[in-house]
Amino acid sequence: MTTLKSSSKINSKFTPRGLLHDAFVIDAKILLDRKLTHVDTQNLEIVCHKNHITIKKSTDEYINVIGSSKSFSDVFGVTFTQFESEDKTQMFHSHTNDITIPSQLNFISDILGFNNMPCARPYFVKCEDNTRVPLASFTPLQLAKLYKFPTPYNGKGQTIGIIELGGGYLTSDLTKYFQALGLTATPKIVSVSVDGGTNNPYDPSGASLEVVLDIEVAGAIANASTIVVYFAPNTFKGFYDAISKAINDTKNKPSIISISWGAPESYWSVSTLNSYNSLFATAARRGINVFCAAGDNGSTDGVVDSYQHVDFPSSSPNVIACGGTKLVSDGTTITSETVWNNNNGQATGGGFSSLFNKPTYQNGISSIQSKRGVPDVAGNADPVTGYNILMNNTSYVVGGTSAVAPLWAGLTARLNQSKGASIGFANPGLYTKKPCTDITVGNNGAYTAAVGWDACTGLGSPNGLTVSGLTTRVDVHANTDTSTNINVHDDVAPSKPQSGHSKKHSNKVHNTHKIQSSYSKMQVNVPSVHSLHKKK
């Protein structure tokens, strides 16, 4: 038998409720590490037919299959268990032992769908959740002016994709919001369903505030653009499929993608991290910029242990990771901008990956040793100096790094418009030309701001007077080959707080690898579906 190993973890607040019924139907995605040969295809068809598994769709990258839990158990040696959410309103399932890949199916690199639990949370924070009175609040247009975003561009002809794993929007809210801003043009909003996900503005989880925040920030800055919102279930498979759909959407063709959802890197399986990173590498090669929130829980990313952690997908070397600042203005200019840290557990994420190697574009930064440094850029994120948002005809002041991703997405739409084409993967140009305002005051826990790049705010916040230089494309070949960016280890080791860099991994070569049980290592507390969306 050939096997793979990974280390997805289940929220310990989920309660096991017995074995999953043998007849329970599971919709899974098999990811491939190579194009199948004729023999591979025959082997797959024989295994599926023998075990009553139906092949729904087959491509060079993946195969969608459907079958009973018993069928998958028989093929991959897994045991499926039911789990109940903390509030006892939802049931989920996951395998509770390692997945073993039969030797005749050794082309499988990952399997998504065996675990349908929530995999990510949105990174927004309402000011009222801080029990603090806003020091100031801004519309996205006010921030664009303070950051001197290039004018007269408005994103005309550009398409921004937004990934959402819950919630929804009311068209009436968006219409009223954009009208109140006095926009001469308003963005076209398109909703795309992925794996059954839908625009659900009445989602009780609270995720709708994330959806509205993303659309209103990106849409105000790139007000003549098209914004395509990809709604998917909050699962590893749903998240993957939403990103894949956006990257490969031949109808809407977004050149920019904003992602405000994530989870600690240590929560993800190695195989799934590699699978997602391959998607992001495809986006980078195609000149699609993916902006990801770096997290709202400081240098630990909310993980309770003795280590520092970064958030994924922002830790992928093929995305632009967005950290957070606290911005103070006199109304016309920025008077101060520091690292966002409310000293209550809420602070910008940032640190060093435990899996991804230091990408070529970070080679000139001595403070980054061997692993990918996060974030790349930053922007206003403190809820006390947050964004004015409208949802359900009610005004909110909202912060979090989830506001920074659509902020940069909107800016990039203006840059693409000014160039008449995609600026290409932004990170090489960002690190070469350094068109940001350096943030040198503050910390996010273990890491302190400094001159130049740091693990709090990266290269800094956008400076529209110099960021236009990104329209001159910089070579990106060094970062789009995922094999040069990843060390495949048995587990994602956390980072040591005393060193500020990743814990070294063993160089031991194992004769077998396993896709490890999602249940066996319940070390990371990822909130249940109903607690994902509010920070107390």
Protein backbone atom coordinates (compact mmCIF):
# COMPACT_ATOMS: atom_id res chain seq x y z
CA MET A 1 0.00 0.00 0.00
CA THR A 2 1.12 3.53 -0.76
CA THR A 3 0.05 6.15 1.73
CA LEU A 4 0.24 9.87 2.41
CA LYS A 5 0.35 11.68 5.73
CA SER A 6 -1.29 14.88 6.88
CA SER A 7 -2.56 16.38 10.12
CA SER A 8 -5.94 18.08 9.83
CA LYS A 9 -7.41 18.67 13.24
CA ILE A 10 -10.95 18.80 14.53
CA ASN A 11 -12.22 21.42 16.94
CA SER A 12 -12.22 19.73 20.34
CA LYS A 13 -15.61 21.29 21.07
CA PHE A 14 -17.24 18.93 18.59
CA THR A 15 -18.65 15.87 20.36
CA PRO A 16 -18.35 12.40 18.80
CA ARG A 17 -21.78 10.80 18.37
CA GLY A 18 -21.01 7.34 17.09
CA LEU A 19 -20.11 5.82 13.76
CA LEU A 20 -21.49 7.24 10.55
CA HIS A 21 -24.15 5.04 8.95
CA ASP A 22 -22.72 2.76 6.27
CA ALA A 23 -25.18 4.06 3.68
CA PHE A 24 -24.38 7.75 4.28
CA VAL A 25 -23.50 9.33 0.93
CA ILE A 26 -20.22 11.24 0.68
CA ASP A 27 -19.28 13.56 -2.17
CA ALA A 28 -15.48 13.63 -2.43
CA LYS A 29 -12.79 15.17 -4.60
CA ILE A 30 -9.70 13.13 -5.39
CA LEU A 31 -6.73 15.36 -6.24
CA LEU A 32 -4.09 13.98 -8.58
CA ASP A 33 -0.33 14.40 -8.55
CA ARG A 34 0.00 13.55 -12.23
CA LYS A 35 -1.98 13.17 -15.40
CA LEU A 36 -3.48 9.69 -15.41
CA THR A 37 -2.20 7.08 -17.81
CA HIS A 38 -4.50 4.60 -19.49
CA VAL A 39 -3.53 2.02 -16.85
CA ASP A 40 -4.22 4.51 -14.04
CA THR A 41 -7.67 5.19 -15.44
CA GLN A 42 -8.42 1.48 -15.75
CA ASN A 43 -7.33 0.85 -12.16
CA LEU A 44 -9.48 3.67 -10.89
CA GLU A 45 -12.53 2.47 -12.79
CA ILE A 46 -12.08 -1.09 -11.53
CA VAL A 47 -11.77 0.02 -7.89
CA CYS A 48 -14.76 2.35 -8.16
CA HIS A 49 -16.96 -0.20 -9.92
CA LYS A 50 -16.08 -2.95 -7.44
CA ASN A 51 -16.91 -0.69 -4.47
CA HIS A 52 -19.98 1.05 -5.90
CA ILE A 53 -18.31 4.45 -6.18
CA THR A 54 -19.50 6.66 -9.03
CA ILE A 55 -17.11 8.89 -10.98
CA LYS A 56 -18.97 12.17 -11.52
CA LYS A 57 -16.28 14.17 -13.29
CA SER A 58 -12.68 13.58 -14.28
CA THR A 59 -10.02 16.12 -15.28
CA ASP A 60 -6.23 16.14 -15.39
CA GLU A 61 -6.14 17.69 -11.90
CA TYR A 62 -8.98 16.01 -10.01
CA ILE A 63 -11.73 13.41 -10.01
CA ASN A 64 -15.11 14.02 -8.36
CA VAL A 65 -16.61 10.85 -6.94
CA ILE A 66 -19.63 9.92 -4.88
CA GLY A 67 -20.24 6.84 -2.78
CA SER A 68 -21.35 5.51 0.57
CA SER A 69 -19.25 5.84 3.69
CA LYS A 70 -18.83 2.04 3.62
CA SER A 71 -17.54 2.17 0.05
CA PHE A 72 -14.86 4.71 0.93
CA SER A 73 -14.06 2.84 4.14
CA ASP A 74 -13.50 -0.36 2.17
CA VAL A 75 -11.20 1.34 -0.35
CA PHE A 76 -9.21 3.65 1.93
CA GLY A 77 -9.43 1.86 5.27
CA VAL A 78 -11.07 4.78 7.06
CA THR A 79 -13.64 4.85 9.84
CA PHE A 80 -16.16 7.67 9.69
CA THR A 81 -17.54 9.18 12.89
CA GLN A 82 -20.42 11.61 13.41
CA PHE A 83 -19.79 14.79 15.42
CA GLU A 84 -22.24 17.23 16.99
CA SER A 85 -21.60 20.97 17.10
CA GLU A 86 -21.21 22.68 20.46
CA ASP A 87 -24.66 24.29 20.23
CA LYS A 88 -26.17 20.90 19.29
CA THR A 89 -27.76 22.29 16.12
CA GLN A 90 -25.59 20.61 13.47
CA MET A 91 -24.04 17.24 12.74
CA PHE A 92 -20.80 16.69 10.85
CA HIS A 93 -18.64 13.74 9.89
CA SER A 94 -14.95 12.98 9.62
CA HIS A 95 -12.66 9.98 9.37
CA THR A 96 -11.01 9.08 12.66
CA ASN A 97 -8.06 7.07 11.43
CA ASP A 98 -5.45 7.43 8.72
CA ILE A 99 -6.34 7.16 5.04
CA THR A 100 -4.41 4.45 3.23
CA ILE A 101 -4.06 4.78 -0.54
CA PRO A 102 -4.13 1.46 -2.42
CA SER A 103 -0.98 0.91 -4.47
CA GLN A 104 -2.91 0.90 -7.74
CA LEU A 105 -4.19 4.40 -6.90
CA ASN A 106 -0.79 5.90 -6.02
CA PHE A 107 -1.53 8.94 -8.20
CA ILE A 108 -3.75 10.40 -5.42
CA SER A 109 -2.20 13.43 -3.69
CA ASP A 110 -5.14 14.41 -1.48
CA ILE A 111 -8.81 13.64 -0.82
CA LEU A 112 -11.27 16.39 0.10
CA GLY A 113 -14.77 15.70 1.38
CA PHE A 114 -14.14 13.04 4.01
CA ASN A 115 -14.36 15.84 6.62
CA ASN A 116 -17.25 18.29 6.24
CA MET A 117 -16.62 20.36 9.36
CA PRO A 118 -16.07 24.15 9.22
CA CYS A 119 -12.49 24.75 8.07
CA ALA A 120 -12.13 28.54 8.29
CA ARG A 121 -13.40 31.69 9.94
CA PRO A 122 -13.81 35.24 8.66
CA TYR A 123 -11.43 37.91 9.96
CA PHE A 124 -13.64 40.87 10.79
CA VAL A 125 -14.15 42.56 14.16
CA LYS A 126 -17.05 44.86 14.97
CA CYS A 127 -16.06 47.89 17.01
CA GLU A 128 -18.95 47.26 19.39
CA ASP A 129 -17.50 43.83 20.17
CA ASN A 130 -14.51 45.65 21.66
CA THR A 131 -16.80 47.62 24.02
CA ARG A 132 -14.89 50.65 22.76
CA VAL A 133 -16.09 53.89 21.22
CA PRO A 134 -14.67 54.43 17.72
CA LEU A 135 -11.76 56.83 17.74
CA ALA A 136 -12.64 57.50 14.12
CA SER A 137 -14.23 55.64 11.28
CA PHE A 138 -13.80 55.87 7.54
CA THR A 139 -15.59 55.07 4.34
CA PRO A 140 -13.49 53.13 1.85
CA LEU A 141 -13.32 56.25 -0.33
CA GLN A 142 -11.91 58.29 2.55
CA LEU A 143 -9.20 55.69 3.08
CA ALA A 144 -8.48 55.57 -0.65
CA LYS A 145 -7.97 59.34 -0.54
CA LEU A 146 -5.78 59.19 2.57
CA TYR A 147 -3.70 56.46 0.96
CA LYS A 148 -3.60 58.50 -2.26
CA PHE A 149 -4.97 55.76 -4.48
CA PRO A 150 -4.47 56.64 -8.16
CA THR A 151 -7.24 58.66 -9.81
CA PRO A 152 -9.29 59.02 -11.97
CA TYR A 153 -9.36 55.22 -12.17
CA ASN A 154 -12.42 53.36 -10.85
CA GLY A 155 -11.84 49.74 -11.87
CA LYS A 156 -13.71 49.99 -15.15
CA GLY A 157 -13.37 46.81 -17.15
CA GLN A 158 -11.97 44.87 -14.17
CA THR A 159 -13.45 41.89 -12.33
CA ILE A 160 -12.81 41.13 -8.66
CA GLY A 161 -13.64 37.69 -7.28
CA ILE A 162 -14.59 37.39 -3.60
CA ILE A 163 -14.61 34.03 -1.78
CA GLU A 164 -17.32 33.59 0.88
CA LEU A 165 -18.00 30.51 3.02
CA GLY A 166 -21.30 31.66 4.46
CA GLY A 167 -23.60 34.63 4.75
CA GLY A 168 -24.92 36.83 1.99
CA TYR A 169 -25.96 40.33 0.97
CA LEU A 170 -29.12 42.29 0.27
CA THR A 171 -29.04 44.23 -3.00
CA SER A 172 -31.00 47.00 -1.28
CA ASP A 173 -28.18 47.46 1.25
CA LEU A 174 -25.53 47.70 -1.44
CA THR A 175 -27.60 50.11 -3.51
CA LYS A 176 -28.20 52.40 -0.54
CA TYR A 177 -24.56 52.23 0.56
CA PHE A 178 -23.09 53.09 -2.83
CA GLN A 179 -25.64 55.85 -3.36
CA ALA A 180 -24.71 57.38 0.00
CA LEU A 181 -21.10 57.53 -1.16
CA GLY A 182 -22.17 59.61 -4.14
CA LEU A 183 -20.63 57.28 -6.69
CA THR A 184 -21.22 58.20 -10.32
CA ALA A 185 -21.00 54.51 -11.24
CA THR A 186 -21.72 51.47 -9.11
CA PRO A 187 -20.23 47.99 -9.36
CA LYS A 188 -22.06 45.12 -10.96
CA ILE A 189 -22.52 42.35 -8.37
CA VAL A 190 -22.72 38.73 -9.53
CA SER A 191 -23.41 35.77 -7.26
CA VAL A 192 -21.98 32.33 -8.14
CA SER A 193 -23.00 29.14 -6.34
CA VAL A 194 -20.27 26.57 -5.66
CA ASP A 195 -21.06 23.12 -4.22
CA GLY A 196 -24.52 24.28 -3.22
CA GLY A 197 -23.42 27.46 -1.44
CA THR A 198 -25.79 30.39 -1.95
CA ASN A 199 -26.22 34.06 -1.21
CA ASN A 200 -27.93 33.83 2.20
CA PRO A 201 -28.19 37.26 3.86
CA TYR A 202 -30.20 35.73 6.71
CA ASP A 203 -27.49 33.24 7.67
CA PRO A 204 -27.68 33.14 11.50
CA SER A 205 -23.93 32.54 11.84
CA GLY A 206 -23.11 36.23 11.39
CA ALA A 207 -21.02 35.69 8.26
CA SER A 208 -23.12 38.17 6.28
CA LEU A 209 -21.19 41.05 7.80
CA GLU A 210 -18.05 39.62 6.21
CA VAL A 211 -19.77 39.36 2.84
CA VAL A 212 -21.06 42.92 2.98
CA LEU A 213 -17.72 44.27 4.23
CA ASP A 214 -15.85 42.67 1.34
CA ILE A 215 -18.27 43.87 -1.33
CA GLU A 216 -18.67 47.39 0.00
CA VAL A 217 -14.93 48.00 0.48
CA ALA A 218 -13.84 46.60 -2.89
CA GLY A 219 -16.90 48.00 -4.66
CA ALA A 220 -16.49 51.53 -3.33
CA ILE A 221 -12.84 51.72 -4.41
CA ALA A 222 -13.35 49.99 -7.77
CA ASN A 223 -16.85 51.31 -8.28
CA ALA A 224 -17.01 50.65 -12.04
CA SER A 225 -15.83 47.06 -11.73
CA THR A 226 -17.69 43.76 -11.71
CA ILE A 227 -17.61 41.94 -8.38
CA VAL A 228 -18.24 38.20 -8.50
CA VAL A 229 -19.02 36.60 -5.14
CA TYR A 230 -18.35 32.85 -4.99
CA PHE A 231 -20.48 31.28 -2.25
CA ALA A 232 -19.40 27.84 -1.04
CA PRO A 233 -19.85 25.64 2.04
CA ASN A 234 -17.36 26.19 4.86
CA THR A 235 -15.50 22.92 4.33
CA PHE A 236 -12.06 22.03 2.99
CA LYS A 237 -13.69 20.86 -0.24
CA GLY A 238 -16.02 23.86 -0.49
CA PHE A 239 -13.21 26.37 0.12
CA TYR A 240 -10.97 24.63 -2.44
CA ASP A 241 -13.71 24.45 -5.04
CA ALA A 242 -14.60 28.14 -4.61
CA ILE A 243 -10.99 29.20 -5.17
CA SER A 244 -10.66 26.83 -8.11
CA LYS A 245 -13.89 28.13 -9.63
CA ALA A 246 -12.71 31.74 -9.34
CA ILE A 247 -9.31 31.00 -10.87
CA ASN A 248 -10.81 28.97 -13.71
CA ASP A 249 -13.99 31.00 -14.31
CA THR A 250 -13.97 31.45 -18.08
CA LYS A 251 -17.22 33.42 -17.99
CA ASN A 252 -16.46 36.13 -15.43
CA LYS A 253 -12.63 35.98 -15.63
CA PRO A 254 -11.60 37.73 -12.39
CA SER A 255 -8.03 39.04 -12.43
CA ILE A 256 -8.14 39.75 -8.68
CA ILE A 257 -9.40 37.56 -5.83
CA SER A 258 -10.06 38.64 -2.24
CA ILE A 259 -10.16 36.08 0.59
CA SER A 260 -11.03 37.13 4.14
CA TRP A 261 -11.36 33.62 5.59
CA GLY A 262 -8.67 31.38 7.04
CA ALA A 263 -7.43 29.26 9.92
CA PRO A 264 -4.08 28.63 11.62
CA GLU A 265 -1.62 26.95 9.30
CA SER A 266 -1.14 24.16 11.87
CA TYR A 267 -4.84 23.26 11.55
CA TRP A 268 -4.47 22.26 7.92
CA SER A 269 -3.15 18.97 6.58
CA VAL A 270 0.14 19.09 4.70
CA SER A 271 -1.46 17.53 1.65
CA THR A 272 -4.28 20.08 1.68
CA LEU A 273 -1.86 22.99 2.15
CA ASN A 274 0.05 21.75 -0.89
CA SER A 275 -3.18 21.32 -2.87
CA TYR A 276 -4.38 24.85 -2.15
CA ASN A 277 -0.94 26.31 -2.81
CA SER A 278 -0.93 24.67 -6.23
CA LEU A 279 -4.15 26.54 -6.98
CA PHE A 280 -2.57 29.82 -5.91
CA ALA A 281 0.52 29.08 -8.03
CA THR A 282 -1.78 28.66 -11.02
CA ALA A 283 -3.34 32.04 -10.23
CA ALA A 284 0.08 33.70 -9.98
CA ARG A 285 1.17 32.25 -13.32
CA ARG A 286 -1.98 33.66 -14.90
CA GLY A 287 -1.46 37.11 -13.40
CA ILE A 288 -4.39 36.74 -10.97
CA ASN A 289 -3.58 38.44 -7.69
CA VAL A 290 -5.03 36.77 -4.59
CA PHE A 291 -5.22 38.96 -1.47
CA CYS A 292 -5.65 37.10 1.84
CA ALA A 293 -6.34 38.36 5.35
CA ALA A 294 -3.47 37.53 7.71
CA GLY A 295 -5.69 36.96 10.75
CA ASP A 296 -6.95 38.97 13.72
CA ASN A 297 -5.38 37.13 16.66
CA GLY A 298 -1.81 38.35 16.74
CA SER A 299 1.33 36.28 16.41
CA THR A 300 -0.30 33.15 17.88
CA ASP A 301 -3.21 33.26 15.41
CA GLY A 302 -5.40 32.33 18.36
CA VAL A 303 -3.72 28.97 18.99
CA VAL A 304 -3.23 28.27 22.68
CA ASP A 305 0.21 26.70 23.00
CA SER A 306 3.77 27.90 23.49
CA TYR A 307 4.41 28.64 19.83
CA GLN A 308 3.71 31.31 17.25
CA HIS A 309 1.47 30.53 14.27
CA VAL A 310 0.59 32.10 10.95
CA ASP A 311 -2.73 31.87 9.15
CA PHE A 312 -3.49 30.04 5.94
CA PRO A 313 -4.14 30.79 3.09
CA SER A 314 -2.22 34.02 3.78
CA SER A 315 0.95 31.96 4.40
CA SER A 316 0.98 30.66 0.83
CA PRO A 317 3.93 32.20 -1.03
CA ASN A 318 1.68 32.64 -4.06
CA VAL A 319 -0.76 35.11 -2.46
CA ILE A 320 -0.44 38.64 -1.11
CA ALA A 321 -0.87 38.43 2.68
CA CYS A 322 -2.61 41.46 4.21
CA GLY A 323 -1.84 42.61 7.75
CA GLY A 324 -3.44 45.37 9.79
CA THR A 325 -2.68 48.85 11.10
CA LYS A 326 -4.30 51.52 13.24
CA LEU A 327 -4.69 54.69 11.21
CA VAL A 328 -5.24 58.15 12.67
CA SER A 329 -6.06 61.13 10.44
CA ASP A 330 -6.73 64.84 10.78
CA GLY A 331 -9.30 64.51 8.00
CA THR A 332 -7.00 65.21 5.08
CA THR A 333 -3.74 63.46 5.90
CA ILE A 334 -2.56 60.48 7.92
CA THR A 335 -1.10 61.74 11.19
CA SER A 336 -0.01 58.34 12.48
CA GLU A 337 -0.17 54.70 11.48
CA THR A 338 0.95 51.92 13.78
CA VAL A 339 0.59 48.16 14.11
CA TRP A 340 -2.95 47.14 14.98
CA ASN A 341 -2.94 45.59 18.45
CA ASN A 342 -5.78 46.16 20.88
CA ASN A 343 -3.88 44.28 23.62
CA ASN A 344 -6.91 42.07 24.23
CA GLY A 345 -5.97 39.20 21.94
CA GLN A 346 -7.06 41.11 18.85
CA ALA A 347 -4.14 42.15 16.68
CA THR A 348 -2.86 41.71 13.17
CA GLY A 349 -1.61 38.26 12.33
CA GLY A 350 1.94 37.77 11.15
CA GLY A 351 5.00 35.60 11.56
CA PHE A 352 6.72 32.79 9.71
CA SER A 353 5.34 29.75 7.97
CA SER A 354 6.23 26.33 9.32
CA LEU A 355 5.83 24.67 5.93
CA PHE A 356 6.49 27.03 3.04
CA ASN A 357 10.05 27.96 2.23
CA LYS A 358 11.21 31.55 1.93
CA PRO A 359 10.17 32.61 -1.59
CA THR A 360 12.66 34.20 -3.95
CA TYR A 361 11.03 37.62 -3.73
CA GLN A 362 11.86 37.74 0.02
CA ASN A 363 15.52 36.80 -0.47
CA GLY A 364 16.79 40.31 0.21
CA ILE A 365 15.25 40.47 3.69
CA SER A 366 17.72 39.38 6.37
CA SER A 367 15.07 39.15 9.09
CA ILE A 368 13.42 36.32 7.16
CA GLN A 369 15.60 33.27 7.54
CA SER A 370 14.37 30.09 5.84
CA LYS A 371 10.57 30.24 5.81
CA ARG A 372 7.92 32.39 4.17
CA GLY A 373 7.36 35.64 6.10
CA VAL A 374 3.83 36.98 6.64
CA PRO A 375 2.33 39.50 5.87
CA ASP A 376 3.42 41.18 2.65
CA VAL A 377 1.45 44.42 3.00
CA ALA A 378 -0.97 46.07 5.42
CA GLY A 379 -3.75 48.60 5.74
CA ASN A 380 -6.16 50.06 8.25
CA ALA A 381 -7.72 47.23 10.29
CA ASP A 382 -8.27 48.42 13.87
CA PRO A 383 -12.04 48.36 14.53
CA VAL A 384 -11.59 51.49 16.63
CA THR A 385 -10.52 53.26 13.42
CA GLY A 386 -12.63 50.99 11.26
CA TYR A 387 -14.76 51.03 8.14
CA ASN A 388 -18.30 52.39 7.89
CA ILE A 389 -20.43 49.54 6.57
CA LEU A 390 -24.17 49.09 5.96
CA MET A 391 -25.94 45.77 6.52
CA ASN A 392 -29.66 45.14 7.03
CA ASN A 393 -30.16 48.90 6.78
CA THR A 394 -27.99 49.31 9.89
CA SER A 395 -24.62 51.06 10.06
CA TYR A 396 -21.62 49.31 11.58
CA VAL A 397 -18.00 50.20 12.20
CA VAL A 398 -15.93 47.15 11.32
CA GLY A 399 -12.24 46.33 11.31
CA GLY A 400 -10.03 43.29 10.98
CA THR A 401 -7.57 42.18 8.34
CA SER A 402 -10.57 40.98 6.33
CA ALA A 403 -11.10 44.63 5.41
CA VAL A 404 -7.52 44.97 4.15
CA ALA A 405 -7.79 42.22 1.52
CA PRO A 406 -10.66 43.92 -0.38
CA LEU A 407 -8.96 47.30 0.14
CA TRP A 408 -5.90 46.09 -1.77
CA ALA A 409 -8.12 44.25 -4.24
CA GLY A 410 -9.88 47.51 -5.10
CA LEU A 411 -6.56 49.30 -5.45
CA THR A 412 -5.27 46.59 -7.78
CA ALA A 413 -8.37 46.92 -9.95
CA ARG A 414 -7.45 50.59 -10.42
CA LEU A 415 -3.86 49.61 -11.27
CA ASN A 416 -5.01 47.00 -13.79
CA GLN A 417 -7.29 49.58 -15.37
CA SER A 418 -4.49 52.12 -15.63
CA LYS A 419 -2.22 49.57 -17.30
CA GLY A 420 -4.91 48.12 -19.52
CA ALA A 421 -3.97 44.61 -18.37
CA SER A 422 -3.15 42.68 -15.22
CA ILE A 423 -0.10 43.97 -13.37
CA GLY A 424 0.88 40.32 -12.88
CA PHE A 425 1.66 38.66 -9.56
CA ALA A 426 2.27 41.65 -7.30
CA ASN A 427 4.70 40.32 -4.70
CA PRO A 428 7.94 40.42 -6.76
CA GLY A 429 7.21 44.05 -7.66
CA LEU A 430 6.22 44.94 -4.10
CA TYR A 431 9.49 43.62 -2.71
CA THR A 432 11.61 45.07 -5.52
CA LYS A 433 10.06 48.53 -5.71
CA LYS A 434 8.81 48.85 -2.11
CA PRO A 435 5.95 51.23 -2.92
CA CYS A 436 4.51 51.13 0.61
CA THR A 437 4.65 53.37 3.65
CA ASP A 438 6.80 51.63 6.23
CA ILE A 439 5.12 51.05 9.62
CA THR A 440 7.74 51.11 12.37
CA VAL A 441 5.77 51.37 15.63
CA GLY A 442 3.92 48.62 17.50
CA ASN A 443 3.84 44.83 17.82
CA ASN A 444 1.48 41.91 17.31
CA GLY A 445 2.67 39.90 20.29
CA ALA A 446 5.95 38.14 19.58
CA TYR A 447 7.00 40.40 16.71
CA THR A 448 7.79 44.10 16.69
CA ALA A 449 7.60 46.60 13.86
CA ALA A 450 10.91 47.81 12.47
CA VAL A 451 12.38 49.71 9.55
CA GLY A 452 11.78 47.66 6.42
CA TRP A 453 9.78 44.45 6.27
CA ASP A 454 8.53 43.06 9.57
CA ALA A 455 6.20 40.25 10.69
CA CYS A 456 3.50 42.71 11.77
CA THR A 457 2.73 44.86 8.74
CA GLY A 458 5.07 43.45 6.08
CA LEU A 459 6.32 46.14 3.73
CA GLY A 460 3.72 48.59 5.05
CA SER A 461 0.50 50.28 3.98
CA PRO A 462 -0.29 51.41 0.41
CA ASN A 463 1.20 54.63 -0.89
CA GLY A 464 -0.73 55.55 -4.00
CA LEU A 465 1.98 57.97 -5.14
CA THR A 466 4.46 55.14 -5.58
CA VAL A 467 2.31 52.02 -5.89
CA SER A 468 1.55 52.89 -9.52
CA GLY A 469 5.04 51.61 -10.25
CA LEU A 470 3.62 48.09 -9.93
CA THR A 471 2.15 48.50 -13.40
CA THR A 472 5.63 47.72 -14.70
CA ARG A 473 5.65 43.95 -14.57
CA VAL A 474 8.40 42.13 -12.66
CA ASP A 475 9.45 38.54 -13.45
CA VAL A 476 7.59 36.04 -11.27
CA HIS A 477 8.89 32.68 -12.46
CA ALA A 478 10.78 31.97 -9.22
CA ASN A 479 7.63 31.77 -7.15
CA THR A 480 5.07 30.01 -9.32
CA ASP A 481 6.69 26.59 -9.29
CA THR A 482 5.30 25.16 -6.07
CA SER A 483 8.04 22.56 -5.86
CA THR A 484 10.53 25.34 -5.11
CA ASN A 485 8.37 26.76 -2.35
CA ILE A 486 7.42 23.72 -0.30
CA ASN A 487 9.20 21.28 1.95
CA VAL A 488 6.90 18.29 2.30
CA HIS A 489 7.13 17.20 5.91
CA ASP A 490 5.16 14.75 8.00
CA ASP A 491 3.49 17.55 9.94
CA VAL A 492 3.28 21.33 10.03
CA ALA A 493 5.52 22.20 12.93
CA PRO A 494 4.75 25.43 14.84
CA SER A 495 7.20 28.30 15.15
CA LYS A 496 9.29 28.90 18.23
CA PRO A 497 8.44 32.23 19.86
CA GLN A 498 11.97 32.82 21.11
CA SER A 499 13.52 32.65 17.65
CA GLY A 500 10.80 34.21 15.54
CA HIS A 501 11.35 31.56 12.92
CA SER A 502 10.00 28.16 12.11
CA LYS A 503 10.78 25.10 14.14
CA LYS A 504 13.12 22.84 12.21
CA HIS A 505 11.61 19.74 10.69
CA SER A 506 13.08 16.29 10.79
CA ASN A 507 14.90 15.22 7.65
CA LYS A 508 13.95 11.60 8.27
CA VAL A 509 12.57 9.88 5.20
CA HIS A 510 9.65 7.58 5.92
CA ASN A 511 9.07 4.42 3.91
CA THR A 512 5.32 5.08 4.04
CA HIS A 513 3.26 8.21 4.33
CA LYS A 514 -0.29 8.49 5.57
CA ILE A 515 -3.16 10.89 5.25
CA GLN A 516 -3.56 11.12 8.98
CA SER A 517 -6.86 11.14 10.77
CA SER A 518 -8.55 14.52 11.13
CA TYR A 519 -9.64 13.47 14.59
CA SER A 520 -6.48 12.12 16.18
CA LYS A 521 -4.81 15.49 16.88
CA MET A 522 -7.34 17.86 18.37
CA GLN A 523 -4.82 20.56 19.33
CA VAL A 524 -6.12 23.68 17.63
CA ASN A 525 -9.34 25.31 18.76
CA VAL A 526 -11.15 26.32 15.59
CA PRO A 527 -14.53 27.71 16.68
CA SER A 528 -17.75 25.91 15.89
CA VAL A 529 -19.88 27.13 13.01
CA HIS A 530 -21.93 29.46 15.18
CA SER A 531 -18.96 30.98 17.00
CA LEU A 532 -16.76 31.53 13.98
CA HIS A 533 -18.06 34.97 13.30
CA LYS A 534 -17.94 36.98 16.52
CA LYS A 535 -14.93 37.99 18.55
CA LYS A 536 -15.75 38.68 22.21
